[in-house]
């Protein structure tokens, strides 16, 4: 059964929404493969923009695919594309895909309780079929904003805000920051980090990380908000960069689990992330990353890293 033949009339708009007309899905190559009972199967190829340094799909990109499939699974369960918003999302990474290997995921909306939908699913390698990751989360139903079955045509443009000061003579000046390339913090950056456009900055002696909005970061084009998976990717990369800058191990720690709480919509602007290591054990490190937009917190991520020990 294909997605096109199984979609009810009310959900035919999903073909367009999750198709090549969506800026982010076009770059990722995300496709609807099938509609299941209360769920959906989606996939993405291995394209350079979303790869790590080894030519494998970046874990943040896999999380973005899973988050996208969670939304479609909820639309299937509800039978329409009414507004929804991620409350929390957890992704556990089991294994890495092979270099050049695409990924497919199967996500089910297994329960709807009043105005909250609950989802769970798994991601697999397209070639070997090996289990790569699992996802679970909850989404609010009927949130403020337009339904997703409208035309994908971004029109609500919101310029990033800048702090400004006015001196005694009434001259207005905008705050300048000492921004550095992410490579100065983490070394060689991956194609996915370049795609996101992350930078590191020195804010009064405190290292912060920023990501300006791009059209390819869009979740809902109708209100021009960041995709939840892009926010998760940004926060995880910040956590990894912070560990790289503060750890002495030769081998980089590997993210084994991420949990994101989404506190409010993140509209077009510049995201600012502030990381904090809250646990350093012999085998695991836990990093919390708070993400802000215009001074208001939009998300908090908790990331568990396995220490990478050199083989003897």
C-alpha atoms as a PDB file:
ATOM      1  CA  UNK A   1       0.000   0.000   0.000  1.00  0.00           C
ATOM      2  CA  UNK A   2       1.523   3.312  -1.026  1.00  0.00           C
ATOM      3  CA  UNK A   3       1.196   6.630   0.748  1.00  0.00           C
ATOM      4  CA  UNK A   4      -0.725   8.121  -2.164  1.00  0.00           C
ATOM      5  CA  UNK A   5      -3.390   5.417  -2.399  1.00  0.00           C
ATOM      6  CA  UNK A   6      -3.818   5.004   1.370  1.00  0.00           C
ATOM      7  CA  UNK A   7      -4.170   8.666   2.306  1.00  0.00           C
ATOM      8  CA  UNK A   8      -7.750   9.775   2.962  1.00  0.00           C
ATOM      9  CA  UNK A   9      -8.953  12.782   1.023  1.00  0.00           C
ATOM     10  CA  UNK A  10      -8.382  15.045   4.043  1.00  0.00           C
ATOM     11  CA  UNK A  11      -4.686  14.114   4.103  1.00  0.00           C
ATOM     12  CA  UNK A  12      -3.815  14.368   0.437  1.00  0.00           C
ATOM     13  CA  UNK A  13      -2.271  17.749   1.265  1.00  0.00           C
ATOM     14  CA  UNK A  14       0.396  15.847   3.190  1.00  0.00           C
ATOM     15  CA  UNK A  15       1.865  14.722  -0.133  1.00  0.00           C
ATOM     16  CA  UNK A  16       2.591  18.347  -0.955  1.00  0.00           C
ATOM     17  CA  UNK A  17       3.601  19.419   2.539  1.00  0.00           C
ATOM     18  CA  UNK A  18       6.161  16.623   2.983  1.00  0.00           C
ATOM     19  CA  UNK A  19       7.322  16.857  -0.629  1.00  0.00           C
ATOM     20  CA  UNK A  20       9.969  18.799  -2.500  1.00  0.00           C
ATOM     21  CA  UNK A  21       8.109  22.096  -2.086  1.00  0.00           C
ATOM     22  CA  UNK A  22       9.131  22.218   1.586  1.00  0.00           C
ATOM     23  CA  UNK A  23      12.557  23.937   1.917  1.00  0.00           C
ATOM     24  CA  UNK A  24      13.983  21.586   4.552  1.00  0.00           C
ATOM     25  CA  UNK A  25      12.533  18.344   3.190  1.00  0.00           C
ATOM     26  CA  UNK A  26      13.840  19.229  -0.265  1.00  0.00           C
ATOM     27  CA  UNK A  27      17.432  19.509   1.023  1.00  0.00           C
ATOM     28  CA  UNK A  28      17.154  16.350   3.130  1.00  0.00           C
ATOM     29  CA  UNK A  29      15.343  14.389   0.414  1.00  0.00           C
ATOM     30  CA  UNK A  30      12.722  13.261   2.934  1.00  0.00           C
ATOM     31  CA  UNK A  31       9.973  11.166   1.317  1.00  0.00           C
ATOM     32  CA  UNK A  32       6.703   9.578   2.388  1.00  0.00           C
ATOM     33  CA  UNK A  33       7.041   5.853   1.698  1.00  0.00           C
ATOM     34  CA  UNK A  34       3.914   4.362   3.207  1.00  0.00           C
ATOM     35  CA  UNK A  35       0.965   4.886   5.513  1.00  0.00           C
ATOM     36  CA  UNK A  36       0.456   2.289   8.236  1.00  0.00           C
ATOM     37  CA  UNK A  37      -2.230   1.854  10.876  1.00  0.00           C
ATOM     38  CA  UNK A  38      -1.998   5.050  12.931  1.00  0.00           C
ATOM     39  CA  UNK A  39       1.435   5.780  11.540  1.00  0.00           C
ATOM     40  CA  UNK A  40       3.773   6.319   8.627  1.00  0.00           C
ATOM     41  CA  UNK A  41       7.027   5.227   7.010  1.00  0.00           C
ATOM     42  CA  UNK A  42       9.419   7.925   5.813  1.00  0.00           C
ATOM     43  CA  UNK A  43      12.951   7.841   4.445  1.00  0.00           C
ATOM     44  CA  UNK A  44      15.856  10.003   3.373  1.00  0.00           C
ATOM     45  CA  UNK A  45      18.922   9.324   1.219  1.00  0.00           C
ATOM     46  CA  UNK A  46      22.483  10.044   2.232  1.00  0.00           C
ATOM     47  CA  UNK A  47      23.161  13.484   0.768  1.00  0.00           C
ATOM     48  CA  UNK A  48      26.315  15.462   1.455  1.00  0.00           C
ATOM     49  CA  UNK A  49      24.658  18.386   3.263  1.00  0.00           C
ATOM     50  CA  UNK A  50      23.451  16.156   6.107  1.00  0.00           C
ATOM     51  CA  UNK A  51      26.566  13.997   6.589  1.00  0.00           C
ATOM     52  CA  UNK A  52      29.247  13.851   9.266  1.00  0.00           C
ATOM     53  CA  UNK A  53      32.988  13.838   8.602  1.00  0.00           C
ATOM     54  CA  UNK A  54      32.895  10.102   7.733  1.00  0.00           C
ATOM     55  CA  UNK A  55      30.278  10.467   5.016  1.00  0.00           C
ATOM     56  CA  UNK A  56      27.533   8.973   7.190  1.00  0.00           C
ATOM     57  CA  UNK A  57      24.156  10.564   7.852  1.00  0.00           C
ATOM     58  CA  UNK A  58      24.592  12.826  10.862  1.00  0.00           C
ATOM     59  CA  UNK A  59      22.697  11.808  13.985  1.00  0.00           C
ATOM     60  CA  UNK A  60      21.033  15.212  14.073  1.00  0.00           C
ATOM     61  CA  UNK A  61      19.685  14.591  10.572  1.00  0.00           C
ATOM     62  CA  UNK A  62      18.308  11.208  11.670  1.00  0.00           C
ATOM     63  CA  UNK A  63      16.614  12.928  14.625  1.00  0.00           C
ATOM     64  CA  UNK A  64      15.102  15.444  12.191  1.00  0.00           C
ATOM     65  CA  UNK A  65      13.701  12.621  10.045  1.00  0.00           C
ATOM     66  CA  UNK A  66      12.204  10.950  13.121  1.00  0.00           C
ATOM     67  CA  UNK A  67      10.641  14.190  14.356  1.00  0.00           C
ATOM     68  CA  UNK A  68       9.124  14.744  10.903  1.00  0.00           C
ATOM     69  CA  UNK A  69       7.694  11.221  10.824  1.00  0.00           C
ATOM     70  CA  UNK A  70       6.197  11.761  14.283  1.00  0.00           C
ATOM     71  CA  UNK A  71       4.194  14.685  12.905  1.00  0.00           C
ATOM     72  CA  UNK A  72       2.941  12.696   9.922  1.00  0.00           C
ATOM     73  CA  UNK A  73       1.981   9.763  12.162  1.00  0.00           C
ATOM     74  CA  UNK A  74      -0.154  12.104  14.267  1.00  0.00           C
ATOM     75  CA  UNK A  75      -1.860  13.515  11.163  1.00  0.00           C
ATOM     76  CA  UNK A  76      -2.666   9.947  10.088  1.00  0.00           C
ATOM     77  CA  UNK A  77      -4.122   9.108  13.499  1.00  0.00           C
ATOM     78  CA  UNK A  78      -6.197  12.308  13.608  1.00  0.00           C
ATOM     79  CA  UNK A  79      -7.278  12.078   9.967  1.00  0.00           C
ATOM     80  CA  UNK A  80      -6.416  15.711   9.244  1.00  0.00           C
ATOM     81  CA  UNK A  81      -3.541  18.182   9.444  1.00  0.00           C
ATOM     82  CA  UNK A  82      -4.624  20.426  12.295  1.00  0.00           C
ATOM     83  CA  UNK A  83      -1.920  22.428  14.149  1.00  0.00           C
ATOM     84  CA  UNK A  84       0.389  20.409  16.407  1.00  0.00           C
ATOM     85  CA  UNK A  85       3.526  21.244  18.388  1.00  0.00           C
ATOM     86  CA  UNK A  86       6.240  19.076  19.936  1.00  0.00           C
ATOM     87  CA  UNK A  87       6.127  18.982  23.734  1.00  0.00           C
ATOM     88  CA  UNK A  88       9.045  16.630  24.255  1.00  0.00           C
ATOM     89  CA  UNK A  89      11.089  14.282  22.098  1.00  0.00           C
ATOM     90  CA  UNK A  90      13.591  11.571  23.011  1.00  0.00           C
ATOM     91  CA  UNK A  91      15.911   9.869  20.538  1.00  0.00           C
ATOM     92  CA  UNK A  92      18.181   6.981  21.543  1.00  0.00           C
ATOM     93  CA  UNK A  93      20.983   6.187  19.113  1.00  0.00           C
ATOM     94  CA  UNK A  94      21.747   2.477  18.821  1.00  0.00           C
ATOM     95  CA  UNK A  95      24.174   2.352  15.902  1.00  0.00           C
ATOM     96  CA  UNK A  96      25.544   4.413  13.022  1.00  0.00           C
ATOM     97  CA  UNK A  97      24.502   3.961   9.396  1.00  0.00           C
ATOM     98  CA  UNK A  98      27.136   2.909   6.904  1.00  0.00           C
ATOM     99  CA  UNK A  99      28.844   5.574   4.818  1.00  0.00           C
ATOM    100  CA  UNK A 100      26.511   6.572   2.007  1.00  0.00           C
ATOM    101  CA  UNK A 101      23.592   4.603   3.467  1.00  0.00           C
ATOM    102  CA  UNK A 102      20.105   6.103   3.559  1.00  0.00           C
ATOM    103  CA  UNK A 103      17.718   5.766   6.494  1.00  0.00           C
ATOM    104  CA  UNK A 104      14.056   4.776   6.801  1.00  0.00           C
ATOM    105  CA  UNK A 105      11.841   5.085   9.870  1.00  0.00           C
ATOM    106  CA  UNK A 106       8.499   3.694  10.997  1.00  0.00           C
ATOM    107  CA  UNK A 107       6.608   5.838  13.528  1.00  0.00           C
ATOM    108  CA  UNK A 108       3.227   5.163  15.135  1.00  0.00           C
ATOM    109  CA  UNK A 109       0.895   7.484  17.020  1.00  0.00           C
ATOM    110  CA  UNK A 110      -0.178   4.897  19.579  1.00  0.00           C
ATOM    111  CA  UNK A 111      -2.432   7.068  21.766  1.00  0.00           C
ATOM    112  CA  UNK A 112      -4.332  10.343  21.828  1.00  0.00           C
ATOM    113  CA  UNK A 113      -5.492  11.598  25.209  1.00  0.00           C
ATOM    114  CA  UNK A 114      -7.571  14.769  25.035  1.00  0.00           C
ATOM    115  CA  UNK A 115      -5.220  17.290  23.359  1.00  0.00           C
ATOM    116  CA  UNK A 116      -1.970  15.304  23.580  1.00  0.00           C
ATOM    117  CA  UNK A 117      -0.722  12.734  21.058  1.00  0.00           C
ATOM    118  CA  UNK A 118       1.899  10.115  21.915  1.00  0.00           C
ATOM    119  CA  UNK A 119       4.317   8.620  19.394  1.00  0.00           C
ATOM    120  CA  UNK A 120       7.049   6.000  19.178  1.00  0.00           C
ATOM    121  CA  UNK A 121       9.111   4.532  16.393  1.00  0.00           C
ATOM    122  CA  UNK A 122      12.422   3.280  15.051  1.00  0.00           C
ATOM    123  CA  UNK A 123      14.911   4.144  12.320  1.00  0.00           C
ATOM    124  CA  UNK A 124      16.725   1.567  10.201  1.00  0.00           C
ATOM    125  CA  UNK A 125      19.519   1.567   7.649  1.00  0.00           C
ATOM    126  CA  UNK A 126      18.178   1.281   4.100  1.00  0.00           C
ATOM    127  CA  UNK A 127      20.880  -1.195   3.019  1.00  0.00           C
ATOM    128  CA  UNK A 128      21.557  -3.516   5.928  1.00  0.00           C
ATOM    129  CA  UNK A 129      18.270  -2.962   7.750  1.00  0.00           C
ATOM    130  CA  UNK A 130      20.106  -2.552  11.053  1.00  0.00           C
ATOM    131  CA  UNK A 131      18.403  -0.685  13.895  1.00  0.00           C
ATOM    132  CA  UNK A 132      19.908   2.793  14.161  1.00  0.00           C
ATOM    133  CA  UNK A 133      17.715   4.714  16.598  1.00  0.00           C
ATOM    134  CA  UNK A 134      14.437   4.787  18.500  1.00  0.00           C
ATOM    135  CA  UNK A 135      12.151   7.738  19.169  1.00  0.00           C
ATOM    136  CA  UNK A 136       9.348   8.564  21.584  1.00  0.00           C
ATOM    137  CA  UNK A 137       7.577  11.788  22.379  1.00  0.00           C
ATOM    138  CA  UNK A 138       4.413  13.759  22.966  1.00  0.00           C
ATOM    139  CA  UNK A 139       2.791  16.508  20.909  1.00  0.00           C
ATOM    140  CA  UNK A 140       0.143  19.122  21.682  1.00  0.00           C
ATOM    141  CA  UNK A 141      -2.886  19.063  19.371  1.00  0.00           C
ATOM    142  CA  UNK A 142      -4.795  22.142  18.253  1.00  0.00           C
ATOM    143  CA  UNK A 143      -2.131  24.698  19.117  1.00  0.00           C
ATOM    144  CA  UNK A 144      -2.273  28.308  17.987  1.00  0.00           C
ATOM    145  CA  UNK A 145      -1.412  28.712  14.331  1.00  0.00           C
ATOM    146  CA  UNK A 146      -2.679  27.619  10.925  1.00  0.00           C
ATOM    147  CA  UNK A 147      -3.435  24.066   9.862  1.00  0.00           C
ATOM    148  CA  UNK A 148      -0.718  22.338   7.875  1.00  0.00           C
ATOM    149  CA  UNK A 149      -2.957  21.583   4.894  1.00  0.00           C
ATOM    150  CA  UNK A 150      -2.577  25.096   3.514  1.00  0.00           C
ATOM    151  CA  UNK A 151      -0.231  26.055   0.699  1.00  0.00           C
ATOM    152  CA  UNK A 152       3.485  25.828   1.499  1.00  0.00           C
ATOM    153  CA  UNK A 153       4.392  29.406   0.666  1.00  0.00           C
ATOM    154  CA  UNK A 154       6.461  31.226   3.304  1.00  0.00           C
ATOM    155  CA  UNK A 155       5.237  34.803   3.588  1.00  0.00           C
ATOM    156  CA  UNK A 156       5.600  35.745   7.234  1.00  0.00           C
ATOM    157  CA  UNK A 157       9.092  37.184   7.282  1.00  0.00           C
ATOM    158  CA  UNK A 158      10.572  38.182  10.582  1.00  0.00           C
ATOM    159  CA  UNK A 159      13.974  39.802  10.622  1.00  0.00           C
ATOM    160  CA  UNK A 160      16.424  38.745  13.315  1.00  0.00           C
ATOM    161  CA  UNK A 161      16.513  41.264  16.105  1.00  0.00           C
ATOM    162  CA  UNK A 162      19.648  43.131  17.139  1.00  0.00           C
ATOM    163  CA  UNK A 163      20.308  44.862  20.423  1.00  0.00           C
ATOM    164  CA  UNK A 164      20.696  48.583  19.969  1.00  0.00           C
ATOM    165  CA  UNK A 165      21.915  51.434  22.143  1.00  0.00           C
ATOM    166  CA  UNK A 166      21.315  55.172  21.941  1.00  0.00           C
ATOM    167  CA  UNK A 167      24.054  57.498  23.146  1.00  0.00           C
ATOM    168  CA  UNK A 168      23.653  60.962  24.688  1.00  0.00           C
ATOM    169  CA  UNK A 169      23.554  62.580  21.253  1.00  0.00           C
ATOM    170  CA  UNK A 170      20.788  60.296  20.049  1.00  0.00           C
ATOM    171  CA  UNK A 171      23.021  58.239  17.775  1.00  0.00           C
ATOM    172  CA  UNK A 172      21.784  54.655  17.431  1.00  0.00           C
ATOM    173  CA  UNK A 173      24.304  51.827  17.249  1.00  0.00           C
ATOM    174  CA  UNK A 174      23.780  48.077  17.156  1.00  0.00           C
ATOM    175  CA  UNK A 175      25.638  45.703  19.419  1.00  0.00           C
ATOM    176  CA  UNK A 176      28.585  43.947  17.841  1.00  0.00           C
ATOM    177  CA  UNK A 177      29.836  40.528  18.867  1.00  0.00           C
ATOM    178  CA  UNK A 178      33.106  38.692  18.538  1.00  0.00           C
ATOM    179  CA  UNK A 179      31.948  35.831  16.336  1.00  0.00           C
ATOM    180  CA  UNK A 180      34.294  33.014  15.375  1.00  0.00           C
ATOM    181  CA  UNK A 181      33.938  30.087  13.040  1.00  0.00           C
ATOM    182  CA  UNK A 182      32.808  26.877  14.707  1.00  0.00           C
ATOM    183  CA  UNK A 183      35.993  25.202  13.435  1.00  0.00           C
ATOM    184  CA  UNK A 184      38.027  27.232  15.928  1.00  0.00           C
ATOM    185  CA  UNK A 185      36.237  25.346  18.713  1.00  0.00           C
ATOM    186  CA  UNK A 186      35.731  21.831  17.335  1.00  0.00           C
ATOM    187  CA  UNK A 187      38.351  21.620  14.605  1.00  0.00           C
ATOM    188  CA  UNK A 188      37.217  20.131  11.296  1.00  0.00           C
ATOM    189  CA  UNK A 189      33.460  20.645  10.972  1.00  0.00           C
ATOM    190  CA  UNK A 190      31.064  18.304   9.200  1.00  0.00           C
ATOM    191  CA  UNK A 191      28.967  19.187   6.133  1.00  0.00           C
ATOM    192  CA  UNK A 192      25.892  19.122   8.403  1.00  0.00           C
ATOM    193  CA  UNK A 193      27.379  21.723  10.741  1.00  0.00           C
ATOM    194  CA  UNK A 194      28.145  23.902   7.732  1.00  0.00           C
ATOM    195  CA  UNK A 195      24.571  23.436   6.510  1.00  0.00           C
ATOM    196  CA  UNK A 196      23.205  24.622   9.850  1.00  0.00           C
ATOM    197  CA  UNK A 197      25.441  27.719   9.771  1.00  0.00           C
ATOM    198  CA  UNK A 198      26.516  27.588  13.400  1.00  0.00           C
ATOM    199  CA  UNK A 199      28.993  30.049  14.931  1.00  0.00           C
ATOM    200  CA  UNK A 200      30.722  30.395  18.283  1.00  0.00           C
ATOM    201  CA  UNK A 201      30.847  33.744  20.073  1.00  0.00           C
ATOM    202  CA  UNK A 202      32.355  35.336  23.148  1.00  0.00           C
ATOM    203  CA  UNK A 203      29.598  36.936  25.223  1.00  0.00           C
ATOM    204  CA  UNK A 204      31.263  38.814  28.096  1.00  0.00           C
ATOM    205  CA  UNK A 205      33.809  36.070  28.523  1.00  0.00           C
ATOM    206  CA  UNK A 206      31.234  33.254  28.309  1.00  0.00           C
ATOM    207  CA  UNK A 207      31.267  30.994  25.265  1.00  0.00           C
ATOM    208  CA  UNK A 208      27.914  30.887  23.493  1.00  0.00           C
ATOM    209  CA  UNK A 209      26.824  29.331  20.225  1.00  0.00           C
ATOM    210  CA  UNK A 210      24.494  30.830  17.652  1.00  0.00           C
ATOM    211  CA  UNK A 211      22.547  29.741  14.596  1.00  0.00           C
ATOM    212  CA  UNK A 212      20.818  32.314  12.382  1.00  0.00           C
ATOM    213  CA  UNK A 213      17.583  31.314  10.682  1.00  0.00           C
ATOM    214  CA  UNK A 214      17.679  30.016   7.120  1.00  0.00           C
ATOM    215  CA  UNK A 215      14.820  29.019   4.830  1.00  0.00           C
ATOM    216  CA  UNK A 216      16.081  25.427   5.011  1.00  0.00           C
ATOM    217  CA  UNK A 217      15.527  25.427   8.801  1.00  0.00           C
ATOM    218  CA  UNK A 218      11.766  25.808   8.416  1.00  0.00           C
ATOM    219  CA  UNK A 219       9.348  23.505  10.201  1.00  0.00           C
ATOM    220  CA  UNK A 220       6.007  25.147   9.456  1.00  0.00           C
ATOM    221  CA  UNK A 221       6.368  27.498   6.459  1.00  0.00           C
ATOM    222  CA  UNK A 222       3.020  29.130   7.238  1.00  0.00           C
ATOM    223  CA  UNK A 223       4.321  30.785  10.408  1.00  0.00           C
ATOM    224  CA  UNK A 224       8.045  30.436   9.624  1.00  0.00           C
ATOM    225  CA  UNK A 225       9.291  28.554  12.665  1.00  0.00           C
ATOM    226  CA  UNK A 226      12.384  26.424  13.194  1.00  0.00           C
ATOM    227  CA  UNK A 227      11.844  22.689  12.670  1.00  0.00           C
ATOM    228  CA  UNK A 228      12.039  20.823  15.972  1.00  0.00           C
ATOM    229  CA  UNK A 229      14.651  18.465  14.552  1.00  0.00           C
ATOM    230  CA  UNK A 230      16.844  21.393  13.510  1.00  0.00           C
ATOM    231  CA  UNK A 231      16.674  22.809  17.044  1.00  0.00           C
ATOM    232  CA  UNK A 232      17.595  19.366  18.405  1.00  0.00           C
ATOM    233  CA  UNK A 233      20.495  19.122  15.943  1.00  0.00           C
ATOM    234  CA  UNK A 234      21.777  22.562  16.907  1.00  0.00           C
ATOM    235  CA  UNK A 235      21.604  21.807  20.621  1.00  0.00           C
ATOM    236  CA  UNK A 236      23.350  18.439  20.246  1.00  0.00           C
ATOM    237  CA  UNK A 237      26.148  19.933  18.168  1.00  0.00           C
ATOM    238  CA  UNK A 238      26.570  22.659  20.791  1.00  0.00           C
ATOM    239  CA  UNK A 239      26.817  19.999  23.502  1.00  0.00           C
ATOM    240  CA  UNK A 240      29.448  18.159  21.469  1.00  0.00           C
ATOM    241  CA  UNK A 241      31.411  21.343  20.783  1.00  0.00           C
ATOM    242  CA  UNK A 242      31.338  22.214  24.476  1.00  0.00           C
ATOM    243  CA  UNK A 243      32.705  18.792  25.369  1.00  0.00           C
ATOM    244  CA  UNK A 244      35.425  19.110  22.738  1.00  0.00           C
ATOM    245  CA  UNK A 245      36.483  22.444  24.207  1.00  0.00           C
ATOM    246  CA  UNK A 246      36.456  21.200  27.805  1.00  0.00           C
ATOM    247  CA  UNK A 247      37.668  17.591  27.626  1.00  0.00           C
ATOM    248  CA  UNK A 248      41.185  16.204  27.285  1.00  0.00           C
ATOM    249  CA  UNK A 249      40.400  12.815  25.692  1.00  0.00           C
ATOM    250  CA  UNK A 250      41.799  12.223  22.234  1.00  0.00           C
ATOM    251  CA  UNK A 251      38.593  10.559  21.044  1.00  0.00           C
ATOM    252  CA  UNK A 252      35.381  12.586  20.932  1.00  0.00           C
ATOM    253  CA  UNK A 253      32.521  11.353  23.159  1.00  0.00           C
ATOM    254  CA  UNK A 254      29.583   9.854  21.256  1.00  0.00           C
ATOM    255  CA  UNK A 255      25.996  11.000  21.842  1.00  0.00           C
ATOM    256  CA  UNK A 256      23.883   8.006  22.850  1.00  0.00           C
ATOM    257  CA  UNK A 257      20.650   9.769  23.806  1.00  0.00           C
ATOM    258  CA  UNK A 258      18.988  13.162  23.455  1.00  0.00           C
ATOM    259  CA  UNK A 259      15.856  14.478  25.146  1.00  0.00           C
ATOM    260  CA  UNK A 260      14.376  17.814  24.085  1.00  0.00           C
ATOM    261  CA  UNK A 261      11.716  19.857  25.885  1.00  0.00           C
ATOM    262  CA  UNK A 262      10.120  22.454  23.600  1.00  0.00           C
ATOM    263  CA  UNK A 263       8.896  25.409  25.628  1.00  0.00           C
ATOM    264  CA  UNK A 264       7.537  27.771  22.940  1.00  0.00           C
ATOM    265  CA  UNK A 265       7.661  28.241  19.157  1.00  0.00           C
ATOM    266  CA  UNK A 266      11.001  29.371  17.754  1.00  0.00           C
ATOM    267  CA  UNK A 267      10.230  31.930  15.058  1.00  0.00           C
ATOM    268  CA  UNK A 268      12.696  33.193  12.464  1.00  0.00           C
ATOM    269  CA  UNK A 269      15.637  34.819  14.207  1.00  0.00           C
ATOM    270  CA  UNK A 270      18.980  33.820  15.693  1.00  0.00           C
ATOM    271  CA  UNK A 271      19.035  30.973  18.194  1.00  0.00           C
ATOM    272  CA  UNK A 272      21.493  31.263  21.079  1.00  0.00           C
ATOM    273  CA  UNK A 273      22.572  28.138  22.973  1.00  0.00           C
ATOM    274  CA  UNK A 274      24.299  27.912  26.339  1.00  0.00           C
ATOM    275  CA  UNK A 275      25.681  24.492  27.362  1.00  0.00           C
ATOM    276  CA  UNK A 276      26.469  23.154  30.821  1.00  0.00           C
ATOM    277  CA  UNK A 277      28.081  19.846  31.833  1.00  0.00           C
ATOM    278  CA  UNK A 278      26.063  18.491  34.764  1.00  0.00           C
ATOM    279  CA  UNK A 279      27.641  15.056  35.151  1.00  0.00           C
ATOM    280  CA  UNK A 280      31.064  13.619  34.367  1.00  0.00           C
ATOM    281  CA  UNK A 281      31.259   9.917  35.127  1.00  0.00           C
ATOM    282  CA  UNK A 282      33.792   7.299  34.117  1.00  0.00           C
ATOM    283  CA  UNK A 283      31.573   6.050  31.299  1.00  0.00           C
ATOM    284  CA  UNK A 284      28.995   8.775  30.678  1.00  0.00           C
ATOM    285  CA  UNK A 285      28.846  12.560  30.458  1.00  0.00           C
ATOM    286  CA  UNK A 286      25.594  14.512  30.653  1.00  0.00           C
ATOM    287  CA  UNK A 287      25.280  17.947  29.063  1.00  0.00           C
ATOM    288  CA  UNK A 288      22.304  20.310  29.300  1.00  0.00           C
ATOM    289  CA  UNK A 289      21.833  22.924  26.575  1.00  0.00           C
ATOM    290  CA  UNK A 290      19.407  25.835  26.934  1.00  0.00           C
ATOM    291  CA  UNK A 291      18.298  27.453  23.668  1.00  0.00           C
ATOM    292  CA  UNK A 292      17.051  31.057  23.523  1.00  0.00           C
ATOM    293  CA  UNK A 293      15.509  33.366  20.943  1.00  0.00           C
ATOM    294  CA  UNK A 294      15.324  37.103  21.625  1.00  0.00           C
ATOM    295  CA  UNK A 295      16.112  36.412  25.281  1.00  0.00           C
ATOM    296  CA  UNK A 296      13.238  33.925  25.771  1.00  0.00           C
ATOM    297  CA  UNK A 297      14.010  30.248  26.276  1.00  0.00           C
ATOM    298  CA  UNK A 298      12.520  28.088  23.523  1.00  0.00           C
ATOM    299  CA  UNK A 299      14.006  24.690  24.338  1.00  0.00           C
ATOM    300  CA  UNK A 300      16.108  22.665  26.750  1.00  0.00           C
ATOM    301  CA  UNK A 301      18.064  19.602  25.659  1.00  0.00           C
ATOM    302  CA  UNK A 302      19.680  16.906  27.771  1.00  0.00           C
ATOM    303  CA  UNK A 303      22.369  14.850  26.063  1.00  0.00           C
ATOM    304  CA  UNK A 304      24.021  11.673  27.314  1.00  0.00           C
ATOM    305  CA  UNK A 305      27.467  10.958  25.870  1.00  0.00           C
ATOM    306  CA  UNK A 306      29.414   7.730  26.067  1.00  0.00           C
ATOM    307  CA  UNK A 307      33.096   8.256  26.596  1.00  0.00           C
ATOM    308  CA  UNK A 308      35.031   7.006  23.579  1.00  0.00           C
ATOM    309  CA  UNK A 309      37.981   4.913  24.724  1.00  0.00           C
ATOM    310  CA  UNK A 310      40.834   4.144  22.390  1.00  0.00           C
ATOM    311  CA  UNK A 311      41.068   0.457  21.538  1.00  0.00           C
ATOM    312  CA  UNK A 312      44.177  -1.292  22.822  1.00  0.00           C
END
